[in-house]
Amino acid sequence: MKIAYRVINTARSMVFKLCSSCPYQEEFNETPNNIRLLPKIEWPVSAP
């Protein structure tokens, strides 16, 4: 299945817009929020 979308770049953000007939719009829009909710990994800082 193909999903048509368009990427709009501005100075501060990148916006993905789906075609109006896409059956997965809600899931597509939830994905960035789900990614944002993932726990952040803190990498150990090595001292010089």
Protein backbone atom coordinates (compact mmCIF):
# COMPACT_ATOMS: atom_id res chain seq x y z
CA MET A 1 0.00 0.00 0.00
CA LYS A 2 1.32 3.42 -0.88
CA ILE A 3 0.74 6.40 1.37
CA ALA A 4 1.03 9.81 -0.23
CA TYR A 5 2.50 12.56 1.90
CA ARG A 6 4.29 15.86 1.52
CA VAL A 7 7.10 17.23 3.67
CA ILE A 8 7.03 20.95 4.42
CA ASN A 9 10.26 22.41 5.78
CA THR A 10 10.26 25.69 7.64
CA ALA A 11 13.02 27.40 9.59
CA ARG A 12 12.03 25.74 12.88
CA SER A 13 10.11 22.60 12.03
CA MET A 14 9.36 19.89 9.53
CA VAL A 15 5.72 19.05 8.86
CA PHE A 16 4.44 15.87 7.23
CA LYS A 17 1.03 16.13 5.59
CA LEU A 18 -0.86 13.05 4.46
CA CYS A 19 -3.33 12.91 1.62
CA SER A 20 -6.92 13.33 2.78
CA SER A 21 -7.93 9.81 1.73
CA CYS A 22 -5.18 8.04 3.69
CA PRO A 23 -6.72 5.39 6.01
CA TYR A 24 -3.89 5.67 8.58
CA GLN A 25 -3.97 9.40 9.34
CA GLU A 26 -4.61 9.01 13.05
CA GLU A 27 -1.82 6.46 13.51
CA PHE A 28 0.56 8.59 11.44
CA ASN A 29 -0.18 11.64 13.58
CA GLU A 30 0.26 9.69 16.84
CA THR A 31 3.74 8.44 15.92
CA PRO A 32 5.71 11.62 16.80
CA ASN A 33 3.94 11.81 20.16
CA ASN A 34 4.77 8.17 20.87
CA ILE A 35 8.41 8.79 19.96
CA ARG A 36 8.48 11.82 22.24
CA LEU A 37 7.18 9.68 25.14
CA LEU A 38 10.01 7.14 24.87
CA PRO A 39 12.51 7.32 27.73
CA LYS A 40 15.66 9.24 26.91
CA ILE A 41 18.94 7.36 26.97
CA GLU A 42 21.70 9.05 28.93
CA TRP A 43 25.10 8.13 27.60
CA PRO A 44 28.03 8.08 30.03
CA VAL A 45 30.26 11.11 29.65
CA SER A 46 33.93 10.22 29.45
CA ALA A 47 36.22 12.58 31.33
CA PRO A 48 39.29 13.78 29.39
